[in-house]
Amino acid sequence: MAEIIIIGAGPAGTSAALFLARAGRETLVIDSNASMTKRAWIENHYGVQDISGPDLLKVGREQAGKFGAKFIEERVTAIDTNGGKAVTIQTESGRSYEAAHIILATGALSDLAAKLGLELKEGSEPRMKSVIATDGAGRTSKPRIWAVGTIAGTSVHTIITAGDGARVAIELLTELTGERYVDHDVLKS
């Protein structure tokens, strides 16, 4: 059983994985390889002159992997909350994975959220009919299920979804540790 499973390895999901893995949490990212970032050219991402979407995704995976996040390519087909104790994920290949917490980072895809019975609301981004309603910290209407990025109603811009993934990871880490989680590095003299 993983401590946290993230469904989706776009900027939001991978940013969450980076913070969680760096905090020493066992983090598994399951990705269907359908990120809209794969088609992007990005010149408005703070700290980066310009980058292709595929390169941004590659660098993000490398960063999260450096701290122990594991990535697998699978399509998640079902999620079972098991009455709130743990969450089980089923994939298209028939595999099943269990975790204490799930983070949905599925971008524009809301089918899993709808199947799970999560509370949805109208999306504000173009072509986003519905998004997952959250409490502002990333918690959804089901225990142990969190949502980040575009599927949680943030803008589709990579800098914003990546920031939202980090923000929700900090909220989850704060809940797990019982005190405000902070992750800062300091230059060595």
N, C-alpha and C. Protein backbone atom coordinates (compact mmCIF):
# COMPACT_ATOMS: atom_id res chain seq x y z
N MET A 1 0.85 -1.18 0.00
CA MET A 1 0.00 0.00 0.00
C MET A 1 0.89 1.24 0.00
N ALA A 2 0.62 2.16 -0.92
CA ALA A 2 1.31 3.44 -0.95
C ALA A 2 0.63 4.38 0.04
N GLU A 3 1.36 5.33 0.55
CA GLU A 3 0.73 6.30 1.43
C GLU A 3 -0.18 7.23 0.62
N ILE A 4 0.32 7.67 -0.55
CA ILE A 4 -0.44 8.59 -1.39
C ILE A 4 -0.31 8.15 -2.84
N ILE A 5 -1.44 8.09 -3.52
CA ILE A 5 -1.44 7.85 -4.96
C ILE A 5 -1.98 9.10 -5.63
N ILE A 6 -1.28 9.53 -6.66
CA ILE A 6 -1.70 10.67 -7.46
C ILE A 6 -2.10 10.14 -8.82
N ILE A 7 -3.28 10.50 -9.26
CA ILE A 7 -3.74 10.09 -10.59
C ILE A 7 -3.58 11.28 -11.51
N GLY A 8 -2.58 11.19 -12.38
CA GLY A 8 -2.27 12.25 -13.32
C GLY A 8 -0.89 12.82 -13.08
N ALA A 9 -0.05 12.85 -14.12
CA ALA A 9 1.33 13.33 -13.99
C ALA A 9 1.58 14.57 -14.82
N GLY A 10 0.58 15.44 -14.93
CA GLY A 10 0.80 16.75 -15.53
C GLY A 10 1.47 17.64 -14.50
N PRO A 11 1.53 18.94 -14.75
CA PRO A 11 2.19 19.84 -13.80
C PRO A 11 1.60 19.80 -12.39
N ALA A 12 0.29 19.69 -12.24
CA ALA A 12 -0.33 19.67 -10.91
C ALA A 12 0.02 18.39 -10.15
N GLY A 13 -0.16 17.26 -10.78
CA GLY A 13 0.10 15.99 -10.12
C GLY A 13 1.56 15.78 -9.81
N THR A 14 2.43 16.14 -10.74
CA THR A 14 3.86 15.93 -10.52
C THR A 14 4.41 16.91 -9.50
N SER A 15 3.90 18.13 -9.48
CA SER A 15 4.31 19.09 -8.46
C SER A 15 3.91 18.59 -7.07
N ALA A 16 2.70 18.05 -6.95
CA ALA A 16 2.28 17.46 -5.67
C ALA A 16 3.20 16.30 -5.30
N ALA A 17 3.53 15.47 -6.28
CA ALA A 17 4.42 14.33 -6.03
C ALA A 17 5.79 14.79 -5.55
N LEU A 18 6.30 15.86 -6.12
CA LEU A 18 7.60 16.40 -5.73
C LEU A 18 7.60 16.77 -4.25
N PHE A 19 6.60 17.53 -3.81
CA PHE A 19 6.54 17.94 -2.41
C PHE A 19 6.32 16.76 -1.47
N LEU A 20 5.45 15.84 -1.85
CA LEU A 20 5.15 14.70 -0.99
C LEU A 20 6.34 13.76 -0.86
N ALA A 21 6.98 13.44 -1.99
CA ALA A 21 8.13 12.54 -1.96
C ALA A 21 9.30 13.18 -1.21
N ARG A 22 9.50 14.45 -1.44
CA ARG A 22 10.59 15.16 -0.74
C ARG A 22 10.36 15.16 0.77
N ALA A 23 9.10 15.11 1.18
CA ALA A 23 8.76 15.05 2.62
C ALA A 23 8.88 13.63 3.16
N GLY A 24 9.32 12.69 2.31
CA GLY A 24 9.52 11.31 2.76
C GLY A 24 8.27 10.45 2.70
N ARG A 25 7.23 10.92 2.02
CA ARG A 25 6.00 10.15 1.92
C ARG A 25 6.06 9.23 0.71
N GLU A 26 5.64 7.98 0.91
CA GLU A 26 5.61 7.04 -0.21
C GLU A 26 4.56 7.51 -1.21
N THR A 27 5.02 7.86 -2.40
CA THR A 27 4.16 8.49 -3.40
C THR A 27 4.23 7.72 -4.70
N LEU A 28 3.07 7.30 -5.17
CA LEU A 28 2.93 6.62 -6.46
C LEU A 28 2.09 7.49 -7.36
N VAL A 29 2.58 7.73 -8.58
CA VAL A 29 1.84 8.53 -9.56
C VAL A 29 1.43 7.60 -10.70
N ILE A 30 0.13 7.55 -10.95
CA ILE A 30 -0.39 6.72 -12.04
C ILE A 30 -0.87 7.68 -13.13
N ASP A 31 -0.34 7.53 -14.32
CA ASP A 31 -0.62 8.47 -15.40
C ASP A 31 -1.01 7.74 -16.67
N SER A 32 -2.03 8.24 -17.34
CA SER A 32 -2.51 7.62 -18.58
C SER A 32 -1.80 8.15 -19.82
N ASN A 33 -0.85 9.07 -19.63
CA ASN A 33 -0.08 9.64 -20.73
C ASN A 33 -0.96 10.46 -21.68
N ALA A 34 -1.96 11.15 -21.12
CA ALA A 34 -2.87 11.95 -21.94
C ALA A 34 -2.85 13.43 -21.56
N SER A 35 -1.78 13.89 -20.92
CA SER A 35 -1.72 15.27 -20.45
C SER A 35 -1.80 16.26 -21.61
N MET A 36 -2.63 17.28 -21.44
CA MET A 36 -2.71 18.32 -22.47
C MET A 36 -1.41 19.11 -22.55
N THR A 37 -0.57 19.04 -21.53
CA THR A 37 0.71 19.74 -21.54
C THR A 37 1.65 19.15 -22.59
N LYS A 38 1.42 17.92 -23.00
CA LYS A 38 2.26 17.30 -24.04
C LYS A 38 2.21 18.08 -25.35
N ARG A 39 1.16 18.89 -25.55
CA ARG A 39 1.00 19.65 -26.79
C ARG A 39 1.36 21.13 -26.63
N ALA A 40 1.90 21.50 -25.47
CA ALA A 40 2.09 22.92 -25.15
C ALA A 40 3.49 23.43 -25.51
N TRP A 41 3.53 24.71 -25.86
CA TRP A 41 4.76 25.47 -25.91
C TRP A 41 4.60 26.56 -24.86
N ILE A 42 5.56 26.69 -23.95
CA ILE A 42 5.36 27.53 -22.77
C ILE A 42 6.42 28.62 -22.69
N GLU A 43 5.96 29.87 -22.69
CA GLU A 43 6.85 31.02 -22.52
C GLU A 43 6.43 31.87 -21.33
N ASN A 44 5.44 31.42 -20.56
CA ASN A 44 4.93 32.22 -19.44
C ASN A 44 5.01 31.47 -18.10
N HIS A 45 6.00 30.59 -17.98
CA HIS A 45 6.19 29.84 -16.74
C HIS A 45 7.34 30.50 -15.99
N TYR A 46 7.06 31.08 -14.85
CA TYR A 46 8.06 31.81 -14.08
C TYR A 46 9.34 30.99 -13.90
N GLY A 47 10.48 31.63 -14.11
CA GLY A 47 11.77 30.99 -13.90
C GLY A 47 12.27 30.18 -15.08
N VAL A 48 11.49 30.11 -16.15
CA VAL A 48 11.87 29.34 -17.33
C VAL A 48 11.72 30.26 -18.55
N GLN A 49 12.77 30.38 -19.34
CA GLN A 49 12.69 31.26 -20.53
C GLN A 49 11.61 30.78 -21.49
N ASP A 50 11.71 29.54 -21.91
CA ASP A 50 10.70 28.88 -22.72
C ASP A 50 11.00 27.39 -22.70
N ILE A 51 9.94 26.60 -22.86
CA ILE A 51 10.11 25.15 -22.76
C ILE A 51 8.93 24.47 -23.46
N SER A 52 9.19 23.32 -24.01
CA SER A 52 8.10 22.54 -24.60
C SER A 52 7.38 21.80 -23.46
N GLY A 53 6.13 21.54 -23.67
CA GLY A 53 5.37 20.77 -22.68
C GLY A 53 6.01 19.44 -22.35
N PRO A 54 6.41 18.65 -23.38
CA PRO A 54 7.05 17.37 -23.07
C PRO A 54 8.32 17.53 -22.22
N ASP A 55 9.11 18.58 -22.48
CA ASP A 55 10.32 18.79 -21.68
C ASP A 55 9.96 19.20 -20.25
N LEU A 56 8.94 20.03 -20.08
CA LEU A 56 8.50 20.42 -18.74
C LEU A 56 8.05 19.19 -17.95
N LEU A 57 7.28 18.31 -18.59
CA LEU A 57 6.82 17.09 -17.93
C LEU A 57 8.00 16.19 -17.56
N LYS A 58 8.99 16.09 -18.44
CA LYS A 58 10.17 15.25 -18.19
C LYS A 58 10.95 15.78 -16.99
N VAL A 59 11.21 17.08 -16.96
CA VAL A 59 11.96 17.67 -15.85
C VAL A 59 11.20 17.48 -14.54
N GLY A 60 9.89 17.67 -14.56
CA GLY A 60 9.09 17.49 -13.35
C GLY A 60 9.17 16.07 -12.82
N ARG A 61 9.08 15.10 -13.70
CA ARG A 61 9.19 13.69 -13.28
C ARG A 61 10.56 13.40 -12.69
N GLU A 62 11.60 13.96 -13.33
CA GLU A 62 12.95 13.76 -12.81
C GLU A 62 13.09 14.36 -11.41
N GLN A 63 12.55 15.55 -11.21
CA GLN A 63 12.63 16.19 -9.89
C GLN A 63 11.92 15.34 -8.83
N ALA A 64 10.70 14.92 -9.11
CA ALA A 64 9.94 14.12 -8.14
C ALA A 64 10.59 12.75 -7.93
N GLY A 65 11.09 12.16 -9.01
CA GLY A 65 11.75 10.86 -8.92
C GLY A 65 13.02 10.90 -8.09
N LYS A 66 13.72 12.03 -8.12
CA LYS A 66 14.94 12.21 -7.33
C LYS A 66 14.66 11.99 -5.84
N PHE A 67 13.43 12.30 -5.40
CA PHE A 67 13.07 12.15 -3.99
C PHE A 67 12.28 10.88 -3.72
N GLY A 68 12.14 10.02 -4.74
CA GLY A 68 11.53 8.72 -4.50
C GLY A 68 10.13 8.51 -5.04
N ALA A 69 9.54 9.52 -5.66
CA ALA A 69 8.22 9.31 -6.26
C ALA A 69 8.34 8.26 -7.37
N LYS A 70 7.39 7.35 -7.43
CA LYS A 70 7.36 6.31 -8.46
C LYS A 70 6.28 6.66 -9.47
N PHE A 71 6.56 6.45 -10.74
CA PHE A 71 5.61 6.73 -11.82
C PHE A 71 5.33 5.45 -12.59
N ILE A 72 4.05 5.20 -12.85
CA ILE A 72 3.68 4.09 -13.73
C ILE A 72 2.65 4.60 -14.73
N GLU A 73 2.70 4.01 -15.92
CA GLU A 73 1.74 4.40 -16.96
C GLU A 73 0.62 3.37 -16.99
N GLU A 74 -0.54 3.80 -16.56
CA GLU A 74 -1.75 2.97 -16.51
C GLU A 74 -2.93 3.91 -16.61
N ARG A 75 -4.05 3.40 -17.02
CA ARG A 75 -5.29 4.17 -17.02
C ARG A 75 -6.14 3.68 -15.86
N VAL A 76 -6.46 4.58 -14.94
CA VAL A 76 -7.30 4.24 -13.79
C VAL A 76 -8.75 4.18 -14.27
N THR A 77 -9.43 3.10 -13.90
CA THR A 77 -10.82 2.92 -14.34
C THR A 77 -11.83 3.03 -13.20
N ALA A 78 -11.39 2.81 -11.96
CA ALA A 78 -12.33 2.86 -10.84
C ALA A 78 -11.58 3.19 -9.55
N ILE A 79 -12.32 3.82 -8.64
CA ILE A 79 -11.81 4.15 -7.32
C ILE A 79 -12.86 3.72 -6.30
N ASP A 80 -12.42 3.04 -5.25
CA ASP A 80 -13.32 2.60 -4.18
C ASP A 80 -12.79 3.17 -2.87
N THR A 81 -13.62 3.91 -2.16
CA THR A 81 -13.18 4.53 -0.89
C THR A 81 -13.24 3.56 0.28
N ASN A 82 -13.74 2.37 0.09
CA ASN A 82 -13.73 1.32 1.12
C ASN A 82 -14.28 1.81 2.46
N GLY A 83 -15.28 2.62 2.45
CA GLY A 83 -15.87 3.11 3.69
C GLY A 83 -14.99 4.09 4.44
N GLY A 84 -14.00 4.68 3.78
CA GLY A 84 -13.19 5.71 4.41
C GLY A 84 -11.90 5.26 5.05
N LYS A 85 -11.59 3.95 5.06
CA LYS A 85 -10.37 3.46 5.72
C LYS A 85 -9.14 3.62 4.83
N ALA A 86 -9.23 3.20 3.62
CA ALA A 86 -8.18 3.33 2.62
C ALA A 86 -8.88 3.44 1.28
N VAL A 87 -8.15 3.75 0.26
CA VAL A 87 -8.74 3.91 -1.06
C VAL A 87 -8.09 2.90 -2.00
N THR A 88 -8.90 2.21 -2.78
CA THR A 88 -8.40 1.24 -3.74
C THR A 88 -8.65 1.76 -5.15
N ILE A 89 -7.65 1.62 -5.98
CA ILE A 89 -7.72 2.05 -7.38
C ILE A 89 -7.62 0.81 -8.26
N GLN A 90 -8.47 0.75 -9.26
CA GLN A 90 -8.40 -0.31 -10.27
C GLN A 90 -7.93 0.31 -11.59
N THR A 91 -7.10 -0.42 -12.32
CA THR A 91 -6.61 0.09 -13.59
C THR A 91 -7.12 -0.77 -14.74
N GLU A 92 -6.97 -0.24 -15.92
CA GLU A 92 -7.42 -0.91 -17.14
C GLU A 92 -6.78 -2.29 -17.32
N SER A 93 -5.53 -2.44 -16.84
CA SER A 93 -4.83 -3.72 -16.98
C SER A 93 -5.29 -4.76 -15.96
N GLY A 94 -6.17 -4.35 -15.02
CA GLY A 94 -6.65 -5.27 -14.00
C GLY A 94 -5.89 -5.17 -12.69
N ARG A 95 -4.85 -4.35 -12.65
CA ARG A 95 -4.11 -4.17 -11.40
C ARG A 95 -4.92 -3.35 -10.42
N SER A 96 -4.60 -3.53 -9.15
CA SER A 96 -5.25 -2.72 -8.13
C SER A 96 -4.17 -2.19 -7.19
N TYR A 97 -4.37 -0.96 -6.74
CA TYR A 97 -3.43 -0.28 -5.85
C TYR A 97 -4.23 0.31 -4.69
N GLU A 98 -3.61 0.34 -3.52
CA GLU A 98 -4.29 0.86 -2.35
C GLU A 98 -3.44 1.97 -1.73
N ALA A 99 -4.10 2.99 -1.19
CA ALA A 99 -3.40 4.10 -0.55
C ALA A 99 -4.24 4.68 0.56
N ALA A 100 -3.57 5.41 1.44
CA ALA A 100 -4.28 6.12 2.50
C ALA A 100 -5.00 7.34 1.94
N HIS A 101 -4.37 8.00 0.94
CA HIS A 101 -4.95 9.19 0.32
C HIS A 101 -4.76 9.13 -1.19
N ILE A 102 -5.71 9.73 -1.89
CA ILE A 102 -5.65 9.84 -3.35
C ILE A 102 -5.72 11.31 -3.72
N ILE A 103 -4.91 11.70 -4.68
CA ILE A 103 -5.00 13.05 -5.25
C ILE A 103 -5.38 12.89 -6.71
N LEU A 104 -6.49 13.49 -7.08
CA LEU A 104 -6.92 13.50 -8.48
C LEU A 104 -6.32 14.73 -9.17
N ALA A 105 -5.51 14.48 -10.19
CA ALA A 105 -4.88 15.53 -10.98
C ALA A 105 -5.12 15.20 -12.45
N THR A 106 -6.38 14.99 -12.80
CA THR A 106 -6.75 14.45 -14.10
C THR A 106 -6.99 15.50 -15.17
N GLY A 107 -6.58 16.73 -14.92
CA GLY A 107 -6.70 17.78 -15.93
C GLY A 107 -8.13 18.04 -16.32
N ALA A 108 -8.42 17.89 -17.60
CA ALA A 108 -9.76 18.16 -18.13
C ALA A 108 -10.70 16.96 -18.00
N LEU A 109 -10.22 15.85 -17.48
CA LEU A 109 -11.03 14.63 -17.44
C LEU A 109 -11.74 14.46 -16.10
N SER A 110 -13.06 14.51 -16.12
CA SER A 110 -13.84 14.41 -14.88
C SER A 110 -14.60 13.10 -14.74
N ASP A 111 -14.36 12.14 -15.65
CA ASP A 111 -15.13 10.89 -15.62
C ASP A 111 -14.90 10.09 -14.33
N LEU A 112 -13.66 10.01 -13.84
CA LEU A 112 -13.41 9.28 -12.59
C LEU A 112 -14.12 9.95 -11.42
N ALA A 113 -14.07 11.26 -11.37
CA ALA A 113 -14.73 12.00 -10.29
C ALA A 113 -16.23 11.75 -10.32
N ALA A 114 -16.81 11.75 -11.49
CA ALA A 114 -18.26 11.52 -11.62
C ALA A 114 -18.61 10.09 -11.20
N LYS A 115 -17.80 9.11 -11.64
CA LYS A 115 -18.05 7.71 -11.25
C LYS A 115 -17.95 7.51 -9.75
N LEU A 116 -17.04 8.23 -9.12
CA LEU A 116 -16.83 8.12 -7.68
C LEU A 116 -17.93 8.83 -6.89
N GLY A 117 -18.70 9.67 -7.58
CA GLY A 117 -19.77 10.40 -6.91
C GLY A 117 -19.30 11.64 -6.18
N LEU A 118 -18.16 12.19 -6.61
CA LEU A 118 -17.67 13.43 -6.00
C LEU A 118 -18.58 14.59 -6.40
N GLU A 119 -18.66 15.56 -5.52
CA GLU A 119 -19.44 16.75 -5.84
C GLU A 119 -18.71 17.53 -6.93
N LEU A 120 -19.44 17.82 -8.01
CA LEU A 120 -18.88 18.57 -9.13
C LEU A 120 -19.55 19.93 -9.19
N LYS A 121 -18.88 20.86 -9.84
CA LYS A 121 -19.46 22.18 -10.07
C LYS A 121 -19.10 22.61 -11.48
N GLU A 122 -19.74 23.66 -11.94
CA GLU A 122 -19.50 24.14 -13.29
C GLU A 122 -18.08 24.68 -13.41
N GLY A 123 -17.39 24.31 -14.50
CA GLY A 123 -16.04 24.79 -14.74
C GLY A 123 -16.04 26.19 -15.33
N SER A 124 -14.98 26.94 -15.10
CA SER A 124 -14.90 28.30 -15.63
C SER A 124 -13.94 28.42 -16.81
N GLU A 125 -13.10 27.43 -17.02
CA GLU A 125 -12.16 27.45 -18.14
C GLU A 125 -12.87 27.01 -19.43
N PRO A 126 -12.40 27.49 -20.58
CA PRO A 126 -12.99 27.03 -21.85
C PRO A 126 -12.94 25.51 -21.95
N ARG A 127 -13.98 24.92 -22.41
CA ARG A 127 -14.13 23.48 -22.63
C ARG A 127 -14.12 22.65 -21.35
N MET A 128 -14.22 23.28 -20.20
CA MET A 128 -14.27 22.56 -18.91
C MET A 128 -15.71 22.65 -18.40
N LYS A 129 -16.51 21.64 -18.73
CA LYS A 129 -17.91 21.65 -18.33
C LYS A 129 -18.07 21.52 -16.83
N SER A 130 -17.32 20.60 -16.22
CA SER A 130 -17.44 20.42 -14.78
C SER A 130 -16.08 20.13 -14.17
N VAL A 131 -15.93 20.58 -12.91
CA VAL A 131 -14.71 20.36 -12.15
C VAL A 131 -15.12 19.84 -10.77
N ILE A 132 -14.16 19.37 -10.03
CA ILE A 132 -14.43 18.84 -8.69
C ILE A 132 -14.52 19.99 -7.70
N ALA A 133 -15.57 19.98 -6.91
CA ALA A 133 -15.71 20.97 -5.84
C ALA A 133 -14.78 20.58 -4.70
N THR A 134 -14.00 21.54 -4.20
CA THR A 134 -13.11 21.29 -3.06
C THR A 134 -13.40 22.31 -1.97
N ASP A 135 -12.83 22.07 -0.81
CA ASP A 135 -13.04 22.96 0.34
C ASP A 135 -12.07 24.13 0.36
N GLY A 136 -11.31 24.33 -0.67
CA GLY A 136 -10.32 25.40 -0.70
C GLY A 136 -8.92 24.92 -0.33
N ALA A 137 -8.83 23.80 0.36
CA ALA A 137 -7.53 23.20 0.70
C ALA A 137 -7.24 22.00 -0.20
N GLY A 138 -8.21 21.64 -1.04
CA GLY A 138 -8.03 20.51 -1.95
C GLY A 138 -8.83 19.28 -1.58
N ARG A 139 -9.47 19.29 -0.39
CA ARG A 139 -10.30 18.14 0.00
C ARG A 139 -11.58 18.13 -0.83
N THR A 140 -11.99 16.93 -1.22
CA THR A 140 -13.23 16.78 -1.98
C THR A 140 -14.36 16.37 -1.03
N SER A 141 -15.50 16.04 -1.60
CA SER A 141 -16.66 15.62 -0.80
C SER A 141 -16.52 14.21 -0.23
N LYS A 142 -15.45 13.50 -0.56
CA LYS A 142 -15.21 12.15 -0.03
C LYS A 142 -13.92 12.16 0.80
N PRO A 143 -13.94 11.49 1.94
CA PRO A 143 -12.71 11.46 2.75
C PRO A 143 -11.56 10.78 2.00
N ARG A 144 -10.35 11.30 2.25
CA ARG A 144 -9.12 10.76 1.69
C ARG A 144 -8.93 11.02 0.20
N ILE A 145 -9.86 11.74 -0.41
CA ILE A 145 -9.75 12.07 -1.83
C ILE A 145 -9.53 13.58 -1.95
N TRP A 146 -8.46 13.95 -2.61
CA TRP A 146 -8.07 15.34 -2.81
C TRP A 146 -8.09 15.63 -4.31
N ALA A 147 -8.17 16.90 -4.69
CA ALA A 147 -8.14 17.26 -6.11
C ALA A 147 -7.25 18.48 -6.29
N VAL A 148 -6.49 18.49 -7.40
CA VAL A 148 -5.57 19.59 -7.69
C VAL A 148 -5.63 19.97 -9.17
N GLY A 149 -5.24 21.20 -9.44
CA GLY A 149 -5.08 21.64 -10.81
C GLY A 149 -6.39 21.93 -11.52
N THR A 150 -6.37 21.75 -12.82
CA THR A 150 -7.51 22.10 -13.67
C THR A 150 -8.77 21.37 -13.25
N ILE A 151 -8.68 20.09 -12.88
CA ILE A 151 -9.87 19.34 -12.48
C ILE A 151 -10.46 19.89 -11.18
N ALA A 152 -9.66 20.65 -10.42
CA ALA A 152 -10.14 21.27 -9.18
C ALA A 152 -10.54 22.73 -9.41
N GLY A 153 -10.59 23.14 -10.68
CA GLY A 153 -11.09 24.47 -11.01
C GLY A 153 -10.05 25.55 -11.19
N THR A 154 -8.75 25.21 -11.19
CA THR A 154 -7.76 26.24 -11.43
C THR A 154 -7.55 26.43 -12.93
N SER A 155 -6.90 27.50 -13.29
CA SER A 155 -6.61 27.80 -14.68
C SER A 155 -5.74 26.71 -15.28
N VAL A 156 -5.84 26.53 -16.59
CA VAL A 156 -5.06 25.49 -17.26
C VAL A 156 -3.59 25.85 -17.44
N HIS A 157 -3.19 27.05 -17.11
CA HIS A 157 -1.80 27.46 -17.28
C HIS A 157 -0.88 26.62 -16.39
N THR A 158 0.22 26.14 -16.94
CA THR A 158 1.09 25.22 -16.22
C THR A 158 1.61 25.80 -14.91
N ILE A 159 1.93 27.06 -14.87
CA ILE A 159 2.46 27.66 -13.65
C ILE A 159 1.41 27.64 -12.54
N ILE A 160 0.14 27.80 -12.92
CA ILE A 160 -0.94 27.83 -11.93
C ILE A 160 -1.27 26.42 -11.46
N THR A 161 -1.35 25.47 -12.37
CA THR A 161 -1.66 24.10 -11.95
C THR A 161 -0.52 23.51 -11.13
N ALA A 162 0.73 23.80 -11.51
CA ALA A 162 1.87 23.31 -10.73
C ALA A 162 1.84 23.90 -9.32
N GLY A 163 1.55 25.19 -9.23
CA GLY A 163 1.45 25.81 -7.92
C GLY A 163 0.33 25.22 -7.09
N ASP A 164 -0.79 24.89 -7.73
CA ASP A 164 -1.90 24.30 -7.00
C ASP A 164 -1.55 22.90 -6.50
N GLY A 165 -0.82 22.13 -7.30
CA GLY A 165 -0.38 20.81 -6.85
C GLY A 165 0.49 20.92 -5.62
N ALA A 166 1.42 21.87 -5.62
CA ALA A 166 2.29 22.08 -4.46
C ALA A 166 1.47 22.53 -3.25
N ARG A 167 0.54 23.45 -3.47
CA ARG A 167 -0.28 23.99 -2.38
C ARG A 167 -1.09 22.88 -1.70
N VAL A 168 -1.73 22.04 -2.49
CA VAL A 168 -2.54 20.97 -1.91
C VAL A 168 -1.65 19.93 -1.24
N ALA A 169 -0.48 19.65 -1.80
CA ALA A 169 0.46 18.72 -1.13
C ALA A 169 0.83 19.26 0.24
N ILE A 170 1.06 20.55 0.35
CA ILE A 170 1.38 21.17 1.64
C ILE A 170 0.20 21.01 2.60
N GLU A 171 -1.03 21.19 2.10
CA GLU A 171 -2.22 21.02 2.95
C GLU A 171 -2.34 19.57 3.44
N LEU A 172 -2.08 18.62 2.55
CA LEU A 172 -2.14 17.20 2.93
C LEU A 172 -1.04 16.87 3.94
N LEU A 173 0.16 17.35 3.70
CA LEU A 173 1.26 17.11 4.64
C LEU A 173 0.96 17.75 6.00
N THR A 174 0.35 18.91 5.99
CA THR A 174 -0.03 19.56 7.24
C THR A 174 -1.04 18.70 8.00
N GLU A 175 -1.99 18.14 7.28
CA GLU A 175 -2.97 17.25 7.92
C GLU A 175 -2.29 16.00 8.49
N LEU A 176 -1.38 15.44 7.74
CA LEU A 176 -0.70 14.22 8.17
C LEU A 176 0.22 14.44 9.37
N THR A 177 0.89 15.59 9.42
CA THR A 177 1.85 15.84 10.50
C THR A 177 1.22 16.52 11.71
N GLY A 178 0.05 17.14 11.52
CA GLY A 178 -0.60 17.83 12.63
C GLY A 178 -0.06 19.22 12.91
N GLU A 179 0.85 19.68 12.06
CA GLU A 179 1.36 21.05 12.18
C GLU A 179 1.66 21.57 10.79
N ARG A 180 1.69 22.90 10.65
CA ARG A 180 1.89 23.49 9.34
C ARG A 180 3.20 22.99 8.75
N TYR A 181 3.12 22.38 7.57
CA TYR A 181 4.29 21.84 6.91
C TYR A 181 4.93 22.94 6.06
N VAL A 182 6.25 23.08 6.18
CA VAL A 182 7.00 24.06 5.41
C VAL A 182 8.20 23.36 4.80
N ASP A 183 8.50 23.65 3.54
CA ASP A 183 9.62 23.05 2.84
C ASP A 183 10.42 24.17 2.16
N HIS A 184 11.49 24.62 2.81
CA HIS A 184 12.34 25.65 2.24
C HIS A 184 13.78 25.18 2.28
N ASP A 185 14.50 25.47 1.24
CA ASP A 185 15.94 25.24 1.21
C ASP A 185 16.63 26.59 1.39
N VAL A 186 17.85 26.55 1.89
CA VAL A 186 18.63 27.76 2.10
C VAL A 186 19.98 27.58 1.43
N LEU A 187 20.43 28.62 0.73
CA LEU A 187 21.75 28.58 0.11
C LEU A 187 22.81 28.37 1.19
N LYS A 188 23.77 27.53 0.89
CA LYS A 188 24.88 27.32 1.82
C LYS A 188 25.89 28.44 1.61
N SER A 189 26.46 28.94 2.69
CA SER A 189 27.44 30.04 2.61
C SER A 189 28.71 29.58 1.94
